[in-house]
Amino acid sequence: MDPDARIEQTVVEGPGSSPGKRLTFALSDTDDGRTQVDLTDGPWPEDDPHLPFCNTHWGQVLHNLKSHAEGK
C-alpha cells in the first residue's frame, strides 16, 4: 500500500442494514516501528440489533490477524 492509502469496500446488497455500510482498512507505521491497523465498519444505527455481534466479531478477526502476523 502507498503511505496514507486505504482500502474501502461498500456493501451493495445483503441482509438487514448491510447495504450502504462501508468497510475501511488502513495500515500505517508508528514511531516505534510497529504497524497500526485501522478498521472501520459502518455507519451503524444505534438501535441495530447486530451491532454488538459486529463489535465482537471484528475484535476476534483483529486478534486472529495479530496472532498470524506474529507467527503464533
PDB file of N, CA and C in Angstrom:
ATOM      1  N   MET A   1       0.840  -1.187   0.000  1.00  0.00           N
ATOM      2  CA  MET A   1       0.000   0.000   0.000  1.00  0.00           C
ATOM      3  C   MET A   1       0.877   1.239   0.000  1.00  0.00           C
ATOM      4  N   ASP A   2       0.405   2.262  -0.627  1.00  0.00           N
ATOM      5  CA  ASP A   2       1.084   3.552  -0.574  1.00  0.00           C
ATOM      6  C   ASP A   2       0.876   4.163   0.808  1.00  0.00           C
ATOM      7  N   PRO A   3       1.848   4.964   1.263  1.00  0.00           N
ATOM      8  CA  PRO A   3       1.653   5.631   2.563  1.00  0.00           C
ATOM      9  C   PRO A   3       0.353   6.435   2.576  1.00  0.00           C
ATOM     10  N   ASP A   4      -0.342   6.365   3.692  1.00  0.00           N
ATOM     11  CA  ASP A   4      -1.605   7.079   3.903  1.00  0.00           C
ATOM     12  C   ASP A   4      -2.716   6.645   2.953  1.00  0.00           C
ATOM     13  N   ALA A   5      -2.556   5.463   2.333  1.00  0.00           N
ATOM     14  CA  ALA A   5      -3.617   4.936   1.472  1.00  0.00           C
ATOM     15  C   ALA A   5      -4.524   4.040   2.300  1.00  0.00           C
ATOM     16  N   ARG A   6      -5.711   3.785   1.794  1.00  0.00           N
ATOM     17  CA  ARG A   6      -6.633   2.893   2.479  1.00  0.00           C
ATOM     18  C   ARG A   6      -7.450   2.133   1.451  1.00  0.00           C
ATOM     19  N   ILE A   7      -8.031   1.047   1.912  1.00  0.00           N
ATOM     20  CA  ILE A   7      -8.917   0.239   1.085  1.00  0.00           C
ATOM     21  C   ILE A   7     -10.317   0.426   1.648  1.00  0.00           C
ATOM     22  N   GLU A   8     -11.280   0.699   0.775  1.00  0.00           N
ATOM     23  CA  GLU A   8     -12.649   0.883   1.235  1.00  0.00           C
ATOM     24  C   GLU A   8     -13.578   0.045   0.381  1.00  0.00           C
ATOM     25  N   GLN A   9     -14.474  -0.673   1.051  1.00  0.00           N
ATOM     26  CA  GLN A   9     -15.459  -1.513   0.382  1.00  0.00           C
ATOM     27  C   GLN A   9     -16.838  -1.066   0.821  1.00  0.00           C
ATOM     28  N   THR A  10     -17.755  -0.925  -0.113  1.00  0.00           N
ATOM     29  CA  THR A  10     -19.127  -0.552   0.216  1.00  0.00           C
ATOM     30  C   THR A  10     -20.050  -1.723  -0.104  1.00  0.00           C
ATOM     31  N   VAL A  11     -20.879  -2.099   0.860  1.00  0.00           N
ATOM     32  CA  VAL A  11     -21.823  -3.197   0.677  1.00  0.00           C
ATOM     33  C   VAL A  11     -22.953  -2.711  -0.220  1.00  0.00           C
ATOM     34  N   VAL A  12     -23.223  -3.442  -1.305  1.00  0.00           N
ATOM     35  CA  VAL A  12     -24.286  -3.040  -2.225  1.00  0.00           C
ATOM     36  C   VAL A  12     -25.568  -3.844  -2.024  1.00  0.00           C
ATOM     37  N   GLU A  13     -25.451  -5.058  -1.456  1.00  0.00           N
ATOM     38  CA  GLU A  13     -26.654  -5.823  -1.149  1.00  0.00           C
ATOM     39  C   GLU A  13     -26.342  -6.793  -0.016  1.00  0.00           C
ATOM     40  N   GLY A  14     -27.362  -7.179   0.683  1.00  0.00           N
ATOM     41  CA  GLY A  14     -27.190  -8.099   1.799  1.00  0.00           C
ATOM     42  C   GLY A  14     -28.360  -7.987   2.748  1.00  0.00           C
ATOM     43  N   PRO A  15     -28.303  -8.741   3.839  1.00  0.00           N
ATOM     44  CA  PRO A  15     -29.430  -8.762   4.767  1.00  0.00           C
ATOM     45  C   PRO A  15     -29.485  -7.524   5.657  1.00  0.00           C
ATOM     46  N   GLY A  16     -30.653  -7.262   6.188  1.00  0.00           N
ATOM     47  CA  GLY A  16     -30.841  -6.206   7.187  1.00  0.00           C
ATOM     48  C   GLY A  16     -30.320  -4.853   6.753  1.00  0.00           C
ATOM     49  N   SER A  17     -29.517  -4.246   7.619  1.00  0.00           N
ATOM     50  CA  SER A  17     -28.999  -2.904   7.356  1.00  0.00           C
ATOM     51  C   SER A  17     -27.636  -2.928   6.664  1.00  0.00           C
ATOM     52  N   SER A  18     -27.254  -4.072   6.103  1.00  0.00           N
ATOM     53  CA  SER A  18     -25.941  -4.192   5.462  1.00  0.00           C
ATOM     54  C   SER A  18     -25.731  -3.261   4.265  1.00  0.00           C
ATOM     55  N   PRO A  19     -26.699  -3.143   3.346  1.00  0.00           N
ATOM     56  CA  PRO A  19     -26.457  -2.283   2.188  1.00  0.00           C
ATOM     57  C   PRO A  19     -26.125  -0.848   2.606  1.00  0.00           C
ATOM     58  N   GLY A  20     -25.090  -0.315   1.991  1.00  0.00           N
ATOM     59  CA  GLY A  20     -24.672   1.056   2.271  1.00  0.00           C
ATOM     60  C   GLY A  20     -23.565   1.155   3.303  1.00  0.00           C
ATOM     61  N   LYS A  21     -23.304   0.073   4.029  1.00  0.00           N
ATOM     62  CA  LYS A  21     -22.219   0.106   5.013  1.00  0.00           C
ATOM     63  C   LYS A  21     -20.877   0.113   4.289  1.00  0.00           C
ATOM     64  N   ARG A  22     -19.886   0.753   4.926  1.00  0.00           N
ATOM     65  CA  ARG A  22     -18.533   0.835   4.356  1.00  0.00           C
ATOM     66  C   ARG A  22     -17.547   0.180   5.312  1.00  0.00           C
ATOM     67  N   LEU A  23     -16.682  -0.637   4.749  1.00  0.00           N
ATOM     68  CA  LEU A  23     -15.591  -1.243   5.496  1.00  0.00           C
ATOM     69  C   LEU A  23     -14.308  -0.595   4.999  1.00  0.00           C
ATOM     70  N   THR A  24     -13.577   0.042   5.907  1.00  0.00           N
ATOM     71  CA  THR A  24     -12.344   0.732   5.550  1.00  0.00           C
ATOM     72  C   THR A  24     -11.192   0.108   6.323  1.00  0.00           C
ATOM     73  N   PHE A  25     -10.102  -0.160   5.627  1.00  0.00           N
ATOM     74  CA  PHE A  25      -8.935  -0.826   6.185  1.00  0.00           C
ATOM     75  C   PHE A  25      -7.709   0.002   5.828  1.00  0.00           C
ATOM     76  N   ALA A  26      -6.933   0.395   6.826  1.00  0.00           N
ATOM     77  CA  ALA A  26      -5.736   1.207   6.560  1.00  0.00           C
ATOM     78  C   ALA A  26      -4.584   0.733   7.448  1.00  0.00           C
ATOM     79  N   LEU A  27      -3.383   0.719   6.905  1.00  0.00           N
ATOM     80  CA  LEU A  27      -2.167   0.390   7.643  1.00  0.00           C
ATOM     81  C   LEU A  27      -1.289   1.623   7.684  1.00  0.00           C
ATOM     82  N   SER A  28      -0.630   1.831   8.825  1.00  0.00           N
ATOM     83  CA  SER A  28       0.317   2.942   8.914  1.00  0.00           C
ATOM     84  C   SER A  28       1.438   2.552   9.863  1.00  0.00           C
ATOM     85  N   ASP A  29       2.595   3.177   9.678  1.00  0.00           N
ATOM     86  CA  ASP A  29       3.740   2.933  10.542  1.00  0.00           C
ATOM     87  C   ASP A  29       3.623   3.799  11.791  1.00  0.00           C
ATOM     88  N   THR A  30       4.041   3.242  12.926  1.00  0.00           N
ATOM     89  CA  THR A  30       4.079   4.018  14.158  1.00  0.00           C
ATOM     90  C   THR A  30       5.520   4.488  14.392  1.00  0.00           C
ATOM     91  N   ASP A  31       5.687   5.425  15.292  1.00  0.00           N
ATOM     92  CA  ASP A  31       7.022   5.971  15.571  1.00  0.00           C
ATOM     93  C   ASP A  31       7.982   4.927  16.127  1.00  0.00           C
ATOM     94  N   ASP A  32       7.441   3.887  16.758  1.00  0.00           N
ATOM     95  CA  ASP A  32       8.313   2.867  17.349  1.00  0.00           C
ATOM     96  C   ASP A  32       8.504   1.644  16.449  1.00  0.00           C
ATOM     97  N   GLY A  33       8.164   1.767  15.155  1.00  0.00           N
ATOM     98  CA  GLY A  33       8.436   0.716  14.185  1.00  0.00           C
ATOM     99  C   GLY A  33       7.365  -0.347  14.041  1.00  0.00           C
ATOM    100  N   ARG A  34       6.265  -0.198  14.759  1.00  0.00           N
ATOM    101  CA  ARG A  34       5.172  -1.160  14.619  1.00  0.00           C
ATOM    102  C   ARG A  34       4.234  -0.714  13.498  1.00  0.00           C
ATOM    103  N   THR A  35       3.281  -1.573  13.177  1.00  0.00           N
ATOM    104  CA  THR A  35       2.271  -1.261  12.170  1.00  0.00           C
ATOM    105  C   THR A  35       0.928  -1.084  12.860  1.00  0.00           C
ATOM    106  N   GLN A  36       0.288   0.026  12.597  1.00  0.00           N
ATOM    107  CA  GLN A  36      -1.040   0.296  13.143  1.00  0.00           C
ATOM    108  C   GLN A  36      -2.077  -0.128  12.114  1.00  0.00           C
ATOM    109  N   VAL A  37      -3.091  -0.858  12.567  1.00  0.00           N
ATOM    110  CA  VAL A  37      -4.196  -1.285  11.715  1.00  0.00           C
ATOM    111  C   VAL A  37      -5.434  -0.519  12.141  1.00  0.00           C
ATOM    112  N   ASP A  38      -6.016   0.225  11.223  1.00  0.00           N
ATOM    113  CA  ASP A  38      -7.264   0.950  11.488  1.00  0.00           C
ATOM    114  C   ASP A  38      -8.362   0.308  10.654  1.00  0.00           C
ATOM    115  N   LEU A  39      -9.445  -0.048  11.304  1.00  0.00           N
ATOM    116  CA  LEU A  39     -10.566  -0.685  10.647  1.00  0.00           C
ATOM    117  C   LEU A  39     -11.830   0.029  11.070  1.00  0.00           C
ATOM    118  N   THR A  40     -12.638   0.414  10.098  1.00  0.00           N
ATOM    119  CA  THR A  40     -13.948   0.985  10.406  1.00  0.00           C
ATOM    120  C   THR A  40     -15.008   0.185   9.671  1.00  0.00           C
ATOM    121  N   ASP A  41     -16.164   0.082  10.261  1.00  0.00           N
ATOM    122  CA  ASP A  41     -17.285  -0.648   9.691  1.00  0.00           C
ATOM    123  C   ASP A  41     -18.540   0.124  10.052  1.00  0.00           C
ATOM    124  N   GLY A  42     -19.164   0.715   9.063  1.00  0.00           N
ATOM    125  CA  GLY A  42     -20.367   1.483   9.395  1.00  0.00           C
ATOM    126  C   GLY A  42     -20.872   2.276   8.205  1.00  0.00           C
ATOM    127  N   PRO A  43     -21.778   3.130   8.386  1.00  0.00           N
ATOM    128  CA  PRO A  43     -22.356   3.576   9.654  1.00  0.00           C
ATOM    129  C   PRO A  43     -23.384   2.582  10.189  1.00  0.00           C
ATOM    130  N   TRP A  44     -23.524   2.580  11.504  1.00  0.00           N
ATOM    131  CA  TRP A  44     -24.458   1.704  12.199  1.00  0.00           C
ATOM    132  C   TRP A  44     -25.483   2.548  12.955  1.00  0.00           C
ATOM    133  N   PRO A  45     -26.775   2.269  12.774  1.00  0.00           N
ATOM    134  CA  PRO A  45     -27.774   2.907  13.623  1.00  0.00           C
ATOM    135  C   PRO A  45     -27.582   2.416  15.061  1.00  0.00           C
ATOM    136  N   GLU A  46     -27.749   3.271  16.037  1.00  0.00           N
ATOM    137  CA  GLU A  46     -27.539   2.889  17.432  1.00  0.00           C
ATOM    138  C   GLU A  46     -28.441   1.741  17.882  1.00  0.00           C
ATOM    139  N   ASP A  47     -29.599   1.603  17.248  1.00  0.00           N
ATOM    140  CA  ASP A  47     -30.534   0.557  17.669  1.00  0.00           C
ATOM    141  C   ASP A  47     -30.439  -0.706  16.817  1.00  0.00           C
ATOM    142  N   ASP A  48     -29.414  -0.829  15.980  1.00  0.00           N
ATOM    143  CA  ASP A  48     -29.252  -2.016  15.139  1.00  0.00           C
ATOM    144  C   ASP A  48     -28.939  -3.215  16.038  1.00  0.00           C
ATOM    145  N   PRO A  49     -29.744  -4.277  15.978  1.00  0.00           N
ATOM    146  CA  PRO A  49     -29.525  -5.422  16.867  1.00  0.00           C
ATOM    147  C   PRO A  49     -28.244  -6.204  16.556  1.00  0.00           C
ATOM    148  N   HIS A  50     -27.649  -5.986  15.396  1.00  0.00           N
ATOM    149  CA  HIS A  50     -26.431  -6.713  15.022  1.00  0.00           C
ATOM    150  C   HIS A  50     -25.152  -5.993  15.441  1.00  0.00           C
ATOM    151  N   LEU A  51     -25.258  -4.781  15.932  1.00  0.00           N
ATOM    152  CA  LEU A  51     -24.077  -4.005  16.309  1.00  0.00           C
ATOM    153  C   LEU A  51     -23.216  -4.703  17.362  1.00  0.00           C
ATOM    154  N   PRO A  52     -23.776  -5.238  18.447  1.00  0.00           N
ATOM    155  CA  PRO A  52     -22.912  -5.914  19.431  1.00  0.00           C
ATOM    156  C   PRO A  52     -22.159  -7.100  18.827  1.00  0.00           C
ATOM    157  N   PHE A  53     -22.821  -7.865  17.965  1.00  0.00           N
ATOM    158  CA  PHE A  53     -22.163  -9.003  17.325  1.00  0.00           C
ATOM    159  C   PHE A  53     -21.016  -8.536  16.446  1.00  0.00           C
ATOM    160  N   CYS A  54     -21.247  -7.472  15.668  1.00  0.00           N
ATOM    161  CA  CYS A  54     -20.209  -6.958  14.771  1.00  0.00           C
ATOM    162  C   CYS A  54     -18.999  -6.506  15.572  1.00  0.00           C
ATOM    163  N   ASN A  55     -19.240  -5.807  16.669  1.00  0.00           N
ATOM    164  CA  ASN A  55     -18.155  -5.325  17.507  1.00  0.00           C
ATOM    165  C   ASN A  55     -17.314  -6.497  18.019  1.00  0.00           C
ATOM    166  N   THR A  56     -17.962  -7.543  18.485  1.00  0.00           N
ATOM    167  CA  THR A  56     -17.269  -8.729  18.986  1.00  0.00           C
ATOM    168  C   THR A  56     -16.556  -9.458  17.852  1.00  0.00           C
ATOM    169  N   HIS A  57     -17.223  -9.589  16.721  1.00  0.00           N
ATOM    170  CA  HIS A  57     -16.662 -10.307  15.570  1.00  0.00           C
ATOM    171  C   HIS A  57     -15.374  -9.641  15.086  1.00  0.00           C
ATOM    172  N   TRP A  58     -15.383  -8.320  14.898  1.00  0.00           N
ATOM    173  CA  TRP A  58     -14.180  -7.643  14.410  1.00  0.00           C
ATOM    174  C   TRP A  58     -13.052  -7.702  15.431  1.00  0.00           C
ATOM    175  N   GLY A  59     -13.375  -7.691  16.711  1.00  0.00           N
ATOM    176  CA  GLY A  59     -12.343  -7.861  17.734  1.00  0.00           C
ATOM    177  C   GLY A  59     -11.638  -9.194  17.575  1.00  0.00           C
ATOM    178  N   GLN A  60     -12.392 -10.252  17.322  1.00  0.00           N
ATOM    179  CA  GLN A  60     -11.812 -11.586  17.118  1.00  0.00           C
ATOM    180  C   GLN A  60     -11.008 -11.640  15.823  1.00  0.00           C
ATOM    181  N   VAL A  61     -11.519 -11.030  14.768  1.00  0.00           N
ATOM    182  CA  VAL A  61     -10.789 -11.007  13.490  1.00  0.00           C
ATOM    183  C   VAL A  61      -9.438 -10.321  13.662  1.00  0.00           C
ATOM    184  N   LEU A  62      -9.410  -9.173  14.330  1.00  0.00           N
ATOM    185  CA  LEU A  62      -8.148  -8.454  14.522  1.00  0.00           C
ATOM    186  C   LEU A  62      -7.196  -9.230  15.433  1.00  0.00           C
ATOM    187  N   HIS A  63      -7.730  -9.913  16.444  1.00  0.00           N
ATOM    188  CA  HIS A  63      -6.892 -10.753  17.295  1.00  0.00           C
ATOM    189  C   HIS A  63      -6.259 -11.874  16.458  1.00  0.00           C
ATOM    190  N   ASN A  64      -7.041 -12.524  15.605  1.00  0.00           N
ATOM    191  CA  ASN A  64      -6.510 -13.582  14.743  1.00  0.00           C
ATOM    192  C   ASN A  64      -5.452 -13.041  13.785  1.00  0.00           C
ATOM    193  N   LEU A  65      -5.671 -11.866  13.229  1.00  0.00           N
ATOM    194  CA  LEU A  65      -4.676 -11.238  12.334  1.00  0.00           C
ATOM    195  C   LEU A  65      -3.386 -10.982  13.079  1.00  0.00           C
ATOM    196  N   LYS A  66      -3.471 -10.453  14.289  1.00  0.00           N
ATOM    197  CA  LYS A  66      -2.284 -10.190  15.106  1.00  0.00           C
ATOM    198  C   LYS A  66      -1.528 -11.487  15.384  1.00  0.00           C
ATOM    199  N   SER A  67      -2.248 -12.522  15.793  1.00  0.00           N
ATOM    200  CA  SER A  67      -1.614 -13.809  16.078  1.00  0.00           C
ATOM    201  C   SER A  67      -0.928 -14.376  14.846  1.00  0.00           C
ATOM    202  N   HIS A  68      -1.584 -14.284  13.703  1.00  0.00           N
ATOM    203  CA  HIS A  68      -0.998 -14.782  12.455  1.00  0.00           C
ATOM    204  C   HIS A  68       0.261 -13.991  12.089  1.00  0.00           C
ATOM    205  N   ALA A  69       0.204 -12.676  12.199  1.00  0.00           N
ATOM    206  CA  ALA A  69       1.338 -11.841  11.837  1.00  0.00           C
ATOM    207  C   ALA A  69       2.533 -12.082  12.756  1.00  0.00           C
ATOM    208  N   GLU A  70       2.250 -12.436  14.012  1.00  0.00           N
ATOM    209  CA  GLU A  70       3.315 -12.702  14.973  1.00  0.00           C
ATOM    210  C   GLU A  70       3.768 -14.161  14.953  1.00  0.00           C
ATOM    211  N   GLY A  71       3.153 -14.975  14.071  1.00  0.00           N
ATOM    212  CA  GLY A  71       3.558 -16.367  13.944  1.00  0.00           C
ATOM    213  C   GLY A  71       3.132 -17.256  15.095  1.00  0.00           C
ATOM    214  N   LYS A  72       2.053 -16.891  15.762  1.00  0.00           N
ATOM    215  CA  LYS A  72       1.571 -17.674  16.907  1.00  0.00           C
ATOM    216  C   LYS A  72       0.467 -18.617  16.506  1.00  0.00           C
TER     217      LYS A  72
END
